[in-house]
C-alpha atoms as a PDB file:
ATOM      1  CA  MET A   1      14.949  -8.427 -17.307  1.00  0.00           C
ATOM      2  CA  VAL A   2      12.852  -9.189 -20.361  1.00  0.00           C
ATOM      3  CA  SER A   3      14.052  -7.673 -23.612  1.00  0.00           C
ATOM      4  CA  TRP A   4      11.984  -4.825 -24.992  1.00  0.00           C
ATOM      5  CA  ASN A   5      12.470  -6.401 -28.432  1.00  0.00           C
ATOM      6  CA  ASN A   6       9.613  -8.794 -27.703  1.00  0.00           C
ATOM      7  CA  ILE A   7       7.055  -6.023 -27.645  1.00  0.00           C
ATOM      8  CA  LYS A   8       8.573  -2.944 -29.277  1.00  0.00           C
ATOM      9  CA  LYS A   9       7.729  -1.304 -32.566  1.00  0.00           C
ATOM     10  CA  ASP A  10      10.269   0.647 -34.593  1.00  0.00           C
ATOM     11  CA  HIS A  11      10.193   4.172 -33.208  1.00  0.00           C
ATOM     12  CA  HIS A  12      10.822   5.609 -36.662  1.00  0.00           C
ATOM     13  CA  SER A  13       8.010   3.606 -38.217  1.00  0.00           C
ATOM     14  CA  ARG A  14       5.047   5.850 -37.490  1.00  0.00           C
ATOM     15  CA  PRO A  15       2.106   3.499 -37.064  1.00  0.00           C
ATOM     16  CA  SER A  16      -1.202   4.960 -38.160  1.00  0.00           C
ATOM     17  CA  LEU A  17      -4.325   4.036 -36.274  1.00  0.00           C
ATOM     18  CA  ARG A  18      -6.596   4.270 -39.290  1.00  0.00           C
ATOM     19  CA  GLY A  19      -9.248   1.655 -38.750  1.00  0.00           C
ATOM     20  CA  TYR A  20      -9.760   2.611 -35.120  1.00  0.00           C
ATOM     21  CA  HIS A  21     -13.321   3.753 -34.600  1.00  0.00           C
ATOM     22  CA  ALA A  22     -15.083   5.026 -31.523  1.00  0.00           C
ATOM     23  CA  GLN A  23     -17.995   2.849 -30.457  1.00  0.00           C
ATOM     24  CA  VAL A  24     -18.677   4.541 -27.152  1.00  0.00           C
ATOM     25  CA  PHE A  25     -17.595   7.928 -25.853  1.00  0.00           C
ATOM     26  CA  SER A  26     -18.926   8.949 -22.480  1.00  0.00           C
ATOM     27  CA  LEU A  27     -18.212  11.559 -19.857  1.00  0.00           C
ATOM     28  CA  PHE A  28     -19.663  11.222 -16.366  1.00  0.00           C
ATOM     29  CA  PRO A  29     -18.696  14.170 -14.138  1.00  0.00           C
ATOM     30  CA  HIS A  30     -18.145  13.271 -10.492  1.00  0.00           C
ATOM     31  CA  SER A  31     -20.070  15.109  -7.834  1.00  0.00           C
ATOM     32  CA  CYS A  32     -17.033  15.833  -5.704  1.00  0.00           C
ATOM     33  CA  GLY A  33     -18.045  18.979  -3.911  1.00  0.00           C
ATOM     34  CA  THR A  34     -18.325  17.163  -0.582  1.00  0.00           C
ATOM     35  CA  CYS A  35     -15.943  14.277  -1.269  1.00  0.00           C
ATOM     36  CA  SER A  36     -12.910  13.747   0.952  1.00  0.00           C
ATOM     37  CA  ARG A  37      -9.436  13.332  -0.475  1.00  0.00           C
ATOM     38  CA  VAL A  38      -9.187  10.070  -2.406  1.00  0.00           C
ATOM     39  CA  LYS A  39      -6.269   7.773  -1.570  1.00  0.00           C
ATOM     40  CA  SER A  40      -3.567   7.545  -4.263  1.00  0.00           C
ATOM     41  CA  GLY A  41      -4.352   4.807  -6.751  1.00  0.00           C
ATOM     42  CA  GLU A  42      -8.032   4.565  -5.826  1.00  0.00           C
ATOM     43  CA  TYR A  43      -9.342   5.948  -9.117  1.00  0.00           C
ATOM     44  CA  VAL A  44      -7.414   3.329 -11.075  1.00  0.00           C
ATOM     45  CA  LEU A  45      -8.408   0.532  -8.699  1.00  0.00           C
ATOM     46  CA  SER A  46     -12.066   1.455  -9.109  1.00  0.00           C
ATOM     47  CA  LEU A  47     -11.702   1.247 -12.897  1.00  0.00           C
ATOM     48  CA  LEU A  48      -9.841  -2.057 -12.657  1.00  0.00           C
ATOM     49  CA  LYS A  49     -12.670  -3.593 -10.642  1.00  0.00           C
ATOM     50  CA  GLU A  50     -14.863  -3.121 -13.710  1.00  0.00           C
ATOM     51  CA  ALA A  51     -12.372  -4.768 -16.088  1.00  0.00           C
ATOM     52  CA  PRO A  52     -13.442  -8.290 -17.181  1.00  0.00           C
ATOM     53  CA  ASN A  53     -11.106 -11.018 -15.918  1.00  0.00           C
ATOM     54  CA  THR A  54     -11.163 -12.768 -19.285  1.00  0.00           C
ATOM     55  CA  GLU A  55      -9.550  -9.838 -21.106  1.00  0.00           C
ATOM     56  CA  LYS A  56      -5.967  -8.621 -21.246  1.00  0.00           C
ATOM     57  CA  THR A  57      -5.740  -5.595 -18.959  1.00  0.00           C
ATOM     58  CA  ILE A  58      -3.168  -2.838 -19.459  1.00  0.00           C
ATOM     59  CA  LEU A  59      -2.493  -0.182 -16.843  1.00  0.00           C
ATOM     60  CA  PHE A  60      -0.515   2.909 -17.883  1.00  0.00           C
ATOM     61  CA  LEU A  61       0.294   4.464 -14.508  1.00  0.00           C
ATOM     62  CA  ARG A  62       2.142   7.537 -13.267  1.00  0.00           C
ATOM     63  CA  HIS A  63       4.895   6.740 -10.762  1.00  0.00           C
ATOM     64  CA  SER A  64       4.422   7.115  -7.009  1.00  0.00           C
ATOM     65  CA  LYS A  65       5.229  10.207  -4.953  1.00  0.00           C
ATOM     66  CA  ARG A  66       8.772  11.412  -5.622  1.00  0.00           C
ATOM     67  CA  ASN A  67      11.251  13.692  -3.920  1.00  0.00           C
ATOM     68  CA  SER A  68      11.175  17.357  -4.926  1.00  0.00           C
ATOM     69  CA  PHE A  69      12.935  18.532  -8.091  1.00  0.00           C
ATOM     70  CA  ALA A  70      13.828  21.814  -6.331  1.00  0.00           C
ATOM     71  CA  GLY A  71      17.480  22.662  -6.926  1.00  0.00           C
ATOM     72  CA  ILE A  72      18.100  19.529  -9.010  1.00  0.00           C
ATOM     73  CA  PRO A  73      19.417  20.094 -12.567  1.00  0.00           C
ATOM     74  CA  ASP A  74      17.363  18.443 -15.318  1.00  0.00           C
ATOM     75  CA  HIS A  75      20.116  16.018 -16.282  1.00  0.00           C
ATOM     76  CA  LEU A  76      20.082  14.592 -12.735  1.00  0.00           C
ATOM     77  CA  ARG A  77      16.305  14.291 -12.411  1.00  0.00           C
ATOM     78  CA  PRO A  78      16.119  10.736 -13.821  1.00  0.00           C
ATOM     79  CA  GLY A  79      17.934   9.682 -10.631  1.00  0.00           C
ATOM     80  CA  VAL A  80      15.367  11.221  -8.269  1.00  0.00           C
ATOM     81  CA  GLU A  81      13.821   8.559  -6.011  1.00  0.00           C
ATOM     82  CA  ILE A  82      10.313   8.134  -4.695  1.00  0.00           C
ATOM     83  CA  THR A  83       9.861   9.166  -1.063  1.00  0.00           C
ATOM     84  CA  PRO A  84       9.372   6.736   1.851  1.00  0.00           C
ATOM     85  CA  GLU A  85       5.688   7.686   1.679  1.00  0.00           C
ATOM     86  CA  GLY A  86       5.777   6.969  -2.070  1.00  0.00           C
ATOM     87  CA  ARG A  87       7.239   3.507  -1.427  1.00  0.00           C
ATOM     88  CA  LEU A  88       4.450   2.724   1.027  1.00  0.00           C
ATOM     89  CA  MET A  89       1.827   4.095  -1.377  1.00  0.00           C
ATOM     90  CA  ALA A  90       3.108   1.900  -4.216  1.00  0.00           C
ATOM     91  CA  LYS A  91       3.337  -1.198  -2.016  1.00  0.00           C
ATOM     92  CA  GLU A  92      -0.216  -0.674  -0.734  1.00  0.00           C
ATOM     93  CA  PHE A  93      -1.372  -0.175  -4.318  1.00  0.00           C
ATOM     94  CA  GLY A  94       0.257  -3.496  -5.258  1.00  0.00           C
ATOM     95  CA  THR A  95      -1.505  -5.233  -2.377  1.00  0.00           C
ATOM     96  CA  SER A  96      -4.854  -3.809  -3.496  1.00  0.00           C
ATOM     97  CA  LEU A  97      -4.059  -4.834  -7.071  1.00  0.00           C
ATOM     98  CA  GLY A  98      -3.566  -8.423  -5.911  1.00  0.00           C
ATOM     99  CA  GLN A  99      -6.939  -8.328  -4.162  1.00  0.00           C
ATOM    100  CA  VAL A 100      -8.692  -7.036  -7.290  1.00  0.00           C
ATOM    101  CA  PHE A 101      -6.942  -9.553  -9.578  1.00  0.00           C
ATOM    102  CA  PRO A 102      -5.944 -12.556  -7.440  1.00  0.00           C
ATOM    103  CA  GLY A 103      -3.870 -15.120  -9.273  1.00  0.00           C
ATOM    104  CA  ARG A 104      -3.516 -13.198 -12.528  1.00  0.00           C
ATOM    105  CA  ARG A 105      -0.155 -13.152 -14.294  1.00  0.00           C
ATOM    106  CA  LEU A 106       1.501  -9.775 -13.719  1.00  0.00           C
ATOM    107  CA  LEU A 107       3.954  -8.146 -16.129  1.00  0.00           C
ATOM    108  CA  LEU A 108       5.671  -4.916 -15.122  1.00  0.00           C
ATOM    109  CA  ALA A 109       7.333  -2.245 -17.239  1.00  0.00           C
ATOM    110  CA  HIS A 110       8.874   1.124 -16.420  1.00  0.00           C
ATOM    111  CA  THR A 111      10.747   4.009 -18.007  1.00  0.00           C
ATOM    112  CA  THR A 112      14.466   4.428 -17.417  1.00  0.00           C
ATOM    113  CA  ALA A 113      13.877   6.919 -14.561  1.00  0.00           C
ATOM    114  CA  LEU A 114      14.728   5.567 -11.108  1.00  0.00           C
ATOM    115  CA  ARG A 115      11.405   6.711  -9.618  1.00  0.00           C
ATOM    116  CA  CYS A 116       9.518   4.580 -12.149  1.00  0.00           C
ATOM    117  CA  ARG A 117      11.646   1.498 -11.504  1.00  0.00           C
ATOM    118  CA  MET A 118      11.260   1.929  -7.728  1.00  0.00           C
ATOM    119  CA  THR A 119       7.496   2.270  -8.115  1.00  0.00           C
ATOM    120  CA  ALA A 120       7.337  -0.945 -10.155  1.00  0.00           C
ATOM    121  CA  GLU A 121       9.434  -2.805  -7.584  1.00  0.00           C
ATOM    122  CA  CYS A 122       7.271  -1.598  -4.677  1.00  0.00           C
ATOM    123  CA  ILE A 123       4.069  -2.542  -6.505  1.00  0.00           C
ATOM    124  CA  LEU A 124       5.485  -6.031  -7.006  1.00  0.00           C
ATOM    125  CA  GLN A 125       6.368  -6.289  -3.296  1.00  0.00           C
ATOM    126  CA  GLY A 126       2.752  -5.584  -2.431  1.00  0.00           C
ATOM    127  CA  TYR A 127       1.219  -7.664  -5.222  1.00  0.00           C
ATOM    128  CA  SER A 128       3.210 -10.825  -4.690  1.00  0.00           C
ATOM    129  CA  PRO A 129       5.927 -10.631  -1.990  1.00  0.00           C
ATOM    130  CA  GLY A 130       9.055 -12.634  -2.775  1.00  0.00           C
ATOM    131  CA  THR A 131       7.969 -13.341  -6.365  1.00  0.00           C
ATOM    132  CA  ARG A 132       9.989 -12.501  -9.475  1.00  0.00           C
ATOM    133  CA  VAL A 133       8.060 -11.385 -12.547  1.00  0.00           C
ATOM    134  CA  PRO A 134       9.119 -10.140 -15.984  1.00  0.00           C
ATOM    135  CA  MET A 135      10.347  -6.527 -15.695  1.00  0.00           C
ATOM    136  CA  ILE A 136      10.687  -4.522 -18.909  1.00  0.00           C
ATOM    137  CA  GLU A 137      12.611  -1.255 -19.168  1.00  0.00           C
ATOM    138  CA  TYR A 138      11.408   1.162 -21.828  1.00  0.00           C
ATOM    139  CA  PRO A 139      14.121   2.691 -23.994  1.00  0.00           C
ATOM    140  CA  GLU A 140      14.325   6.465 -23.518  1.00  0.00           C
ATOM    141  CA  LYS A 141      13.119   7.086 -27.054  1.00  0.00           C
ATOM    142  CA  ILE A 142       9.808   5.381 -26.228  1.00  0.00           C
ATOM    143  CA  GLY A 143       9.340   6.687 -22.702  1.00  0.00           C
ATOM    144  CA  ASP A 144      10.287  10.337 -23.236  1.00  0.00           C
ATOM    145  CA  PRO A 145       8.779  12.600 -25.921  1.00  0.00           C
ATOM    146  CA  VAL A 146      11.344  15.405 -25.445  1.00  0.00           C
ATOM    147  CA  ARG A 147      13.831  15.615 -28.316  1.00  0.00           C
ATOM    148  CA  ASN A 148      15.743  18.811 -27.551  1.00  0.00           C
ATOM    149  CA  TYR A 149      16.168  19.258 -23.816  1.00  0.00           C
ATOM    150  CA  PRO A 150      17.888  22.691 -23.806  1.00  0.00           C
ATOM    151  CA  ALA A 151      15.094  24.127 -25.989  1.00  0.00           C
ATOM    152  CA  PHE A 152      12.413  22.376 -23.910  1.00  0.00           C
ATOM    153  CA  ILE A 153      13.864  23.728 -20.655  1.00  0.00           C
ATOM    154  CA  ASP A 154      14.015  27.260 -22.106  1.00  0.00           C
ATOM    155  CA  LEU A 155      10.338  27.032 -23.056  1.00  0.00           C
ATOM    156  CA  ARG A 156       9.409  25.654 -19.630  1.00  0.00           C
ATOM    157  CA  GLU A 157      11.240  28.502 -17.891  1.00  0.00           C
ATOM    158  CA  THR A 158       9.678  31.102 -20.195  1.00  0.00           C
ATOM    159  CA  LEU A 159       6.091  29.812 -20.392  1.00  0.00           C
ATOM    160  CA  GLY A 160       5.701  27.780 -17.222  1.00  0.00           C
ATOM    161  CA  TRP A 161       4.866  24.073 -17.111  1.00  0.00           C
ATOM    162  CA  GLN A 162       1.099  24.225 -17.589  1.00  0.00           C
ATOM    163  CA  VAL A 163       1.150  26.702 -20.477  1.00  0.00           C
ATOM    164  CA  LEU A 164       3.898  24.704 -22.184  1.00  0.00           C
ATOM    165  CA  ILE A 165       1.922  21.447 -21.915  1.00  0.00           C
ATOM    166  CA  ARG A 166      -1.259  23.102 -23.247  1.00  0.00           C
ATOM    167  CA  LYS A 167       0.626  24.556 -26.200  1.00  0.00           C
ATOM    168  CA  TRP A 168       2.206  21.165 -26.871  1.00  0.00           C
ATOM    169  CA  LEU A 169      -1.152  19.380 -26.839  1.00  0.00           C
ATOM    170  CA  ASP A 170      -2.518  22.081 -29.161  1.00  0.00           C
ATOM    171  CA  GLY A 171       0.287  21.381 -31.640  1.00  0.00           C
ATOM    172  CA  GLU A 172       1.989  24.745 -31.086  1.00  0.00           C
ATOM    173  CA  ILE A 173       5.424  23.422 -30.068  1.00  0.00           C
ATOM    174  CA  SER A 174       7.904  22.336 -32.737  1.00  0.00           C
ATOM    175  CA  PRO A 175       8.276  18.528 -33.023  1.00  0.00           C
ATOM    176  CA  GLU A 176      12.014  19.189 -33.104  1.00  0.00           C
ATOM    177  CA  VAL A 177      11.710  20.192 -29.431  1.00  0.00           C
ATOM    178  CA  ILE A 178       9.118  17.659 -28.271  1.00  0.00           C
ATOM    179  CA  GLU A 179       7.532  14.961 -30.387  1.00  0.00           C
ATOM    180  CA  ASP A 180       4.169  15.669 -31.988  1.00  0.00           C
ATOM    181  CA  PRO A 181       1.593  14.591 -29.340  1.00  0.00           C
ATOM    182  CA  VAL A 182      -0.655  12.799 -31.833  1.00  0.00           C
ATOM    183  CA  VAL A 183       2.219  10.788 -33.302  1.00  0.00           C
ATOM    184  CA  TYR A 184       3.580  10.070 -29.833  1.00  0.00           C
ATOM    185  CA  SER A 185       0.232   8.813 -28.507  1.00  0.00           C
ATOM    186  CA  ARG A 186      -0.314   6.719 -31.653  1.00  0.00           C
ATOM    187  CA  THR A 187       3.045   5.040 -31.199  1.00  0.00           C
ATOM    188  CA  LEU A 188       2.449   4.253 -27.532  1.00  0.00           C
ATOM    189  CA  LEU A 189      -1.111   3.004 -27.963  1.00  0.00           C
ATOM    190  CA  HIS A 190      -0.243   0.886 -30.959  1.00  0.00           C
ATOM    191  CA  THR A 191       2.712  -0.642 -29.107  1.00  0.00           C
ATOM    192  CA  LEU A 192       0.606  -1.421 -26.037  1.00  0.00           C
ATOM    193  CA  LEU A 193      -2.300  -2.888 -27.961  1.00  0.00           C
ATOM    194  CA  SER A 194      -0.222  -4.991 -30.358  1.00  0.00           C
ATOM    195  CA  SER A 195       2.438  -6.119 -27.869  1.00  0.00           C
ATOM    196  CA  GLN A 196       3.534  -9.728 -27.939  1.00  0.00           C
ATOM    197  CA  GLY A 197       4.061 -11.719 -24.774  1.00  0.00           C
ATOM    198  CA  THR A 198       0.777 -10.666 -23.180  1.00  0.00           C
ATOM    199  CA  GLY A 199      -2.524 -12.468 -23.538  1.00  0.00           C
ATOM    200  CA  ASN A 200      -6.040 -12.795 -22.204  1.00  0.00           C
ATOM    201  CA  GLY A 201      -6.104 -12.780 -18.424  1.00  0.00           C
ATOM    202  CA  ASP A 202      -2.733 -11.013 -18.110  1.00  0.00           C
ATOM    203  CA  LEU A 203      -2.248  -7.791 -16.165  1.00  0.00           C
ATOM    204  CA  PHE A 204       0.368  -5.547 -17.806  1.00  0.00           C
ATOM    205  CA  VAL A 205       1.372  -2.531 -15.687  1.00  0.00           C
ATOM    206  CA  ALA A 206       3.615   0.157 -17.202  1.00  0.00           C
ATOM    207  CA  ILE A 207       5.001   2.846 -14.872  1.00  0.00           C
ATOM    208  CA  VAL A 208       5.510   6.124 -16.717  1.00  0.00           C
ATOM    209  CA  HIS A 209       5.338   9.924 -16.252  1.00  0.00           C
ATOM    210  CA  ASP A 210       2.576  12.498 -16.411  1.00  0.00           C
ATOM    211  CA  ILE A 211       4.026  13.826 -19.676  1.00  0.00           C
ATOM    212  CA  THR A 212       3.622  10.310 -21.133  1.00  0.00           C
ATOM    213  CA  LEU A 213      -0.073  10.251 -20.249  1.00  0.00           C
ATOM    214  CA  PHE A 214      -1.095  13.785 -21.289  1.00  0.00           C
ATOM    215  CA  PRO A 215      -1.115  13.178 -25.081  1.00  0.00           C
ATOM    216  CA  ILE A 216      -2.958   9.854 -24.801  1.00  0.00           C
ATOM    217  CA  ILE A 217      -5.748  11.396 -22.697  1.00  0.00           C
ATOM    218  CA  SER A 218      -5.868  14.369 -25.052  1.00  0.00           C
ATOM    219  CA  ARG A 219      -6.115  12.240 -28.181  1.00  0.00           C
ATOM    220  CA  VAL A 220      -8.503   9.569 -26.880  1.00  0.00           C
ATOM    221  CA  PHE A 221     -10.825  11.785 -24.833  1.00  0.00           C
ATOM    222  CA  ARG A 222     -10.199  15.257 -26.273  1.00  0.00           C
ATOM    223  CA  LYS A 223      -9.363  16.404 -22.734  1.00  0.00           C
ATOM    224  CA  LYS A 224      -6.249  18.500 -22.189  1.00  0.00           C
ATOM    225  CA  MET A 225      -4.690  17.946 -18.783  1.00  0.00           C
ATOM    226  CA  THR A 226      -1.573  19.501 -17.256  1.00  0.00           C
ATOM    227  CA  SER A 227      -1.407  17.459 -14.049  1.00  0.00           C
ATOM    228  CA  ILE A 228      -2.140  13.871 -13.037  1.00  0.00           C
ATOM    229  CA  ASP A 229      -2.014  12.489  -9.509  1.00  0.00           C
ATOM    230  CA  PHE A 230       0.654  10.032  -8.449  1.00  0.00           C
ATOM    231  CA  LEU A 231      -0.440   6.438  -9.103  1.00  0.00           C
ATOM    232  CA  ASN A 232      -3.209   7.485 -11.475  1.00  0.00           C
ATOM    233  CA  GLY A 233      -3.414   6.661 -15.160  1.00  0.00           C
ATOM    234  CA  ILE A 234      -5.383   4.942 -17.895  1.00  0.00           C
ATOM    235  CA  VAL A 235      -6.843   1.435 -17.896  1.00  0.00           C
ATOM    236  CA  ILE A 236      -7.137  -0.493 -21.167  1.00  0.00           C
ATOM    237  CA  SER A 237      -9.148  -3.717 -21.465  1.00  0.00           C
ATOM    238  CA  SER A 238      -8.485  -5.339 -24.825  1.00  0.00           C
ATOM    239  CA  LEU A 239      -9.673  -8.257 -26.904  1.00  0.00           C
ATOM    240  CA  ARG A 240      -8.754  -9.138 -30.480  1.00  0.00           C
ATOM    241  CA  SER A 241     -11.018  -6.586 -32.140  1.00  0.00           C
ATOM    242  CA  THR A 242     -11.786  -3.906 -29.542  1.00  0.00           C
ATOM    243  CA  ALA A 243     -10.264  -2.041 -26.636  1.00  0.00           C
ATOM    244  CA  GLU A 244     -11.991  -0.140 -23.864  1.00  0.00           C
ATOM    245  CA  ILE A 245      -9.927   2.794 -22.584  1.00  0.00           C
ATOM    246  CA  ARG A 246     -10.822   4.462 -19.280  1.00  0.00           C
ATOM    247  CA  PHE A 247      -9.555   7.349 -17.179  1.00  0.00           C
ATOM    248  CA  SER A 248     -10.918   8.777 -13.948  1.00  0.00           C
ATOM    249  CA  ASP A 249     -10.000  11.521 -11.487  1.00  0.00           C
ATOM    250  CA  ALA A 250     -11.727  13.927  -9.101  1.00  0.00           C
ATOM    251  CA  ASP A 251     -13.346  15.837 -11.984  1.00  0.00           C
ATOM    252  CA  CYS A 252     -14.481  13.199 -14.440  1.00  0.00           C
ATOM    253  CA  SER A 253     -14.803   9.576 -15.482  1.00  0.00           C
ATOM    254  CA  LEU A 254     -14.065   8.915 -19.159  1.00  0.00           C
ATOM    255  CA  LYS A 255     -14.535   5.859 -21.326  1.00  0.00           C
ATOM    256  CA  ARG A 256     -14.009   5.139 -24.998  1.00  0.00           C
ATOM    257  CA  VAL A 257     -14.235   1.875 -26.921  1.00  0.00           C
ATOM    258  CA  VAL A 258     -12.177   1.613 -30.102  1.00  0.00           C
ATOM    259  CA  GLY A 259     -11.690  -1.131 -32.667  1.00  0.00           C
ATOM    260  CA  ALA A 260      -8.613  -1.952 -34.745  1.00  0.00           C
ATOM    261  CA  GLU A 261      -6.293  -4.578 -36.141  1.00  0.00           C
ATOM    262  CA  TRP A 262      -3.850  -4.449 -33.239  1.00  0.00           C
ATOM    263  CA  THR A 263      -0.806  -5.735 -35.112  1.00  0.00           C
ATOM    264  CA  SER A 264      -1.411  -3.741 -38.290  1.00  0.00           C
ATOM    265  CA  GLU A 265       0.722  -0.708 -39.129  1.00  0.00           C
ATOM    266  CA  VAL A 266      -1.242   0.552 -42.081  1.00  0.00           C
END
């Protein structure tokens, strides 16, 4: 396993993204009234097909289909596995990924949750069977924005999941309970865009959770979401001076191009 130290930034050093500027911001609603159900991972694969092969490509992806949380205490949920269907979904996604990007160097990362690690392993099985690639495990402090679990659980039980997420994205939840969404998304984006060990032509896939993706989509696209499909996420194509960030689902297709000094923490 590759050490996170090669690409991490100090969690307590709050990197500002001053200097980032939007060059393009576009919203293209899908006409999905008559569309059939899209296969898991297809939205991301469609976006990846548009990513230039000469650029570093970063995929921030929700894990594959998991077993139900019903009856499972929160402290045991990190050990919940993906289902047999989820394993097949992730393996098929990896196969499709290899067809979109044949021969590209793949780097995989995942949070500490078992379902994320299993998703990464199944994607690798489909992408390049029998091959070992660098696998990076995110420390909990990077992968999970929740700071006070008892307080967070109380709010979730009182408000419900969707209302809680909306209030969080609106800045109405104390950062002592769950990290400020703007700061959290800044930290993640800065870390991804300034990471060492990845270069032009590389494909870096990080397997995370829906709660990891919500604040990034909210901050980049000003779109507040409370649910994201399994194996969907954001695609980032980056060069030295710009990055194109994309997200797509059944309701919309979003794109924004930003510029920055990737390794600067001004």
